[in-house]
Amino acid sequence: MAVRGDRGDVVARAQGGVEWTAAFADLDLAEFPMLWALTPYGDAVFNQRQVPLLLSELDRLPAACGGDWVGQARELCQVVERGQHLYLWFLGD
């Protein structure tokens, strides 16, 4: 996970990444549209308007999908919210 600016410059970076489990495949699209976009191999990008929705989903994330990455994602979301023209990137393998 990383926060990048408009030109792709890295502003902040997480120490780790999403701990992908099969539980992510069971997330309901209607209940978790932001997190449903995550895949283990592709990138997902969230803009400043999407970050509050992502934070809301992290608040109710099932324990099977949790881990240290959740706190790191929250911190990166705050960086995006405080800045301008910033995006939170989840980088797949």
C-alpha atoms as a PDB file:
ATOM      1  CA  MET A   1       0.000   0.000   0.000  1.00  0.00           C
ATOM      2  CA  ALA A   2       1.204   3.471  -0.821  1.00  0.00           C
ATOM      3  CA  VAL A   3      -0.040   7.011  -1.200  1.00  0.00           C
ATOM      4  CA  ARG A   4       0.935   8.564  -4.502  1.00  0.00           C
ATOM      5  CA  GLY A   5       0.492  11.974  -6.021  1.00  0.00           C
ATOM      6  CA  ASP A   6      -0.823  12.837  -9.472  1.00  0.00           C
ATOM      7  CA  ARG A   7       2.553  12.181 -11.054  1.00  0.00           C
ATOM      8  CA  GLY A   8       3.040   8.831  -9.366  1.00  0.00           C
ATOM      9  CA  ASP A   9       5.448  10.069  -6.714  1.00  0.00           C
ATOM     10  CA  VAL A  10       5.249   8.066  -3.474  1.00  0.00           C
ATOM     11  CA  VAL A  11       4.257  10.298  -0.551  1.00  0.00           C
ATOM     12  CA  ALA A  12       3.826   7.572   2.098  1.00  0.00           C
ATOM     13  CA  ARG A  13       4.149   3.802   2.191  1.00  0.00           C
ATOM     14  CA  ALA A  14       2.934   1.006   4.474  1.00  0.00           C
ATOM     15  CA  GLN A  15       5.391  -1.339   6.139  1.00  0.00           C
ATOM     16  CA  GLY A  16       3.415  -4.383   5.014  1.00  0.00           C
ATOM     17  CA  GLY A  17       0.554  -5.296   2.781  1.00  0.00           C
ATOM     18  CA  VAL A  18      -2.856  -6.875   2.827  1.00  0.00           C
ATOM     19  CA  GLU A  19      -2.810 -10.349   4.285  1.00  0.00           C
ATOM     20  CA  TRP A  20      -4.889 -11.950   1.556  1.00  0.00           C
ATOM     21  CA  THR A  21      -7.190 -14.745   2.703  1.00  0.00           C
ATOM     22  CA  ALA A  22     -10.029 -16.645   1.061  1.00  0.00           C
ATOM     23  CA  ALA A  23     -12.398 -14.571   3.226  1.00  0.00           C
ATOM     24  CA  PHE A  24     -11.915 -11.627   0.850  1.00  0.00           C
ATOM     25  CA  ALA A  25     -13.632 -13.613  -1.887  1.00  0.00           C
ATOM     26  CA  ASP A  26     -16.668 -13.926   0.382  1.00  0.00           C
ATOM     27  CA  LEU A  27     -17.110 -10.185   0.912  1.00  0.00           C
ATOM     28  CA  ASP A  28     -20.512  -9.008  -0.290  1.00  0.00           C
ATOM     29  CA  LEU A  29     -20.211  -6.455  -3.098  1.00  0.00           C
ATOM     30  CA  ALA A  30     -23.252  -4.536  -1.821  1.00  0.00           C
ATOM     31  CA  GLU A  31     -21.812  -4.242   1.697  1.00  0.00           C
ATOM     32  CA  PHE A  32     -18.097  -3.820   0.842  1.00  0.00           C
ATOM     33  CA  PRO A  33     -17.838  -2.237  -2.633  1.00  0.00           C
ATOM     34  CA  MET A  34     -14.465  -0.592  -1.937  1.00  0.00           C
ATOM     35  CA  LEU A  35     -12.794  -3.653  -0.408  1.00  0.00           C
ATOM     36  CA  TRP A  36     -14.433  -5.926  -2.967  1.00  0.00           C
ATOM     37  CA  ALA A  37     -12.277  -4.138  -5.548  1.00  0.00           C
ATOM     38  CA  LEU A  38      -9.100  -5.577  -4.005  1.00  0.00           C
ATOM     39  CA  THR A  39      -7.510  -8.556  -5.693  1.00  0.00           C
ATOM     40  CA  PRO A  40      -4.254 -10.299  -4.813  1.00  0.00           C
ATOM     41  CA  TYR A  41      -2.734  -9.651  -8.248  1.00  0.00           C
ATOM     42  CA  GLY A  42      -4.131  -6.353  -9.493  1.00  0.00           C
ATOM     43  CA  ASP A  43      -3.844  -2.772  -8.319  1.00  0.00           C
ATOM     44  CA  ALA A  44      -6.702  -0.801  -6.778  1.00  0.00           C
ATOM     45  CA  VAL A  45      -6.654   2.977  -6.431  1.00  0.00           C
ATOM     46  CA  PHE A  46      -8.819   5.090  -4.137  1.00  0.00           C
ATOM     47  CA  ASN A  47      -9.208   8.855  -4.455  1.00  0.00           C
ATOM     48  CA  GLN A  48      -9.995  11.423  -1.770  1.00  0.00           C
ATOM     49  CA  ARG A  49     -13.765  11.021  -2.178  1.00  0.00           C
ATOM     50  CA  GLN A  50     -13.591   7.218  -1.921  1.00  0.00           C
ATOM     51  CA  VAL A  51     -11.375   7.109   1.174  1.00  0.00           C
ATOM     52  CA  PRO A  52     -14.232   7.831   3.666  1.00  0.00           C
ATOM     53  CA  LEU A  53     -16.170   4.906   2.175  1.00  0.00           C
ATOM     54  CA  LEU A  54     -13.111   2.686   2.493  1.00  0.00           C
ATOM     55  CA  LEU A  55     -12.637   3.735   6.131  1.00  0.00           C
ATOM     56  CA  SER A  56     -16.264   2.885   6.862  1.00  0.00           C
ATOM     57  CA  GLU A  57     -15.765  -0.574   5.408  1.00  0.00           C
ATOM     58  CA  LEU A  58     -12.597  -1.104   7.442  1.00  0.00           C
ATOM     59  CA  ASP A  59     -14.644  -0.380  10.593  1.00  0.00           C
ATOM     60  CA  ARG A  60     -16.897  -3.356   9.905  1.00  0.00           C
ATOM     61  CA  LEU A  61     -14.423  -5.679   8.232  1.00  0.00           C
ATOM     62  CA  PRO A  62     -14.820  -9.329   9.294  1.00  0.00           C
ATOM     63  CA  ALA A  63     -12.045 -10.542  11.606  1.00  0.00           C
ATOM     64  CA  ALA A  64     -11.024 -13.173   9.032  1.00  0.00           C
ATOM     65  CA  CYS A  65      -9.913 -10.334   6.722  1.00  0.00           C
ATOM     66  CA  GLY A  66      -8.178  -8.253   9.387  1.00  0.00           C
ATOM     67  CA  GLY A  67      -4.557  -7.904  10.388  1.00  0.00           C
ATOM     68  CA  ASP A  68      -1.855  -5.280  10.808  1.00  0.00           C
ATOM     69  CA  TRP A  69      -2.581  -3.978   7.340  1.00  0.00           C
ATOM     70  CA  VAL A  70      -5.889  -2.469   8.509  1.00  0.00           C
ATOM     71  CA  GLY A  71      -4.202   0.034  10.833  1.00  0.00           C
ATOM     72  CA  GLN A  72      -1.659   0.885   8.182  1.00  0.00           C
ATOM     73  CA  ALA A  73      -4.440   1.421   5.641  1.00  0.00           C
ATOM     74  CA  ARG A  74      -6.186   3.789   8.081  1.00  0.00           C
ATOM     75  CA  GLU A  75      -2.998   5.832   8.475  1.00  0.00           C
ATOM     76  CA  LEU A  76      -2.559   6.069   4.716  1.00  0.00           C
ATOM     77  CA  CYS A  77      -6.207   7.088   4.325  1.00  0.00           C
ATOM     78  CA  GLN A  78      -5.515   9.998   6.689  1.00  0.00           C
ATOM     79  CA  VAL A  79      -2.598  11.083   4.510  1.00  0.00           C
ATOM     80  CA  VAL A  80      -4.897  11.133   1.476  1.00  0.00           C
ATOM     81  CA  GLU A  81      -7.595  13.052   3.371  1.00  0.00           C
ATOM     82  CA  ARG A  82      -5.138  15.723   4.570  1.00  0.00           C
ATOM     83  CA  GLY A  83      -3.514  16.279   1.187  1.00  0.00           C
ATOM     84  CA  GLN A  84      -4.516  17.257  -2.293  1.00  0.00           C
ATOM     85  CA  HIS A  85      -4.305  15.214  -5.467  1.00  0.00           C
ATOM     86  CA  LEU A  86      -3.314  12.106  -3.497  1.00  0.00           C
ATOM     87  CA  TYR A  87      -4.414   8.514  -4.052  1.00  0.00           C
ATOM     88  CA  LEU A  88      -4.226   5.378  -1.947  1.00  0.00           C
ATOM     89  CA  TRP A  89      -2.835   2.497  -3.993  1.00  0.00           C
ATOM     90  CA  PHE A  90      -3.200  -1.166  -3.079  1.00  0.00           C
ATOM     91  CA  LEU A  91      -0.514  -2.843  -5.165  1.00  0.00           C
ATOM     92  CA  GLY A  92      -1.024  -6.442  -6.242  1.00  0.00           C
ATOM     93  CA  ASP A  93       1.793  -8.894  -6.866  1.00  0.00           C
END
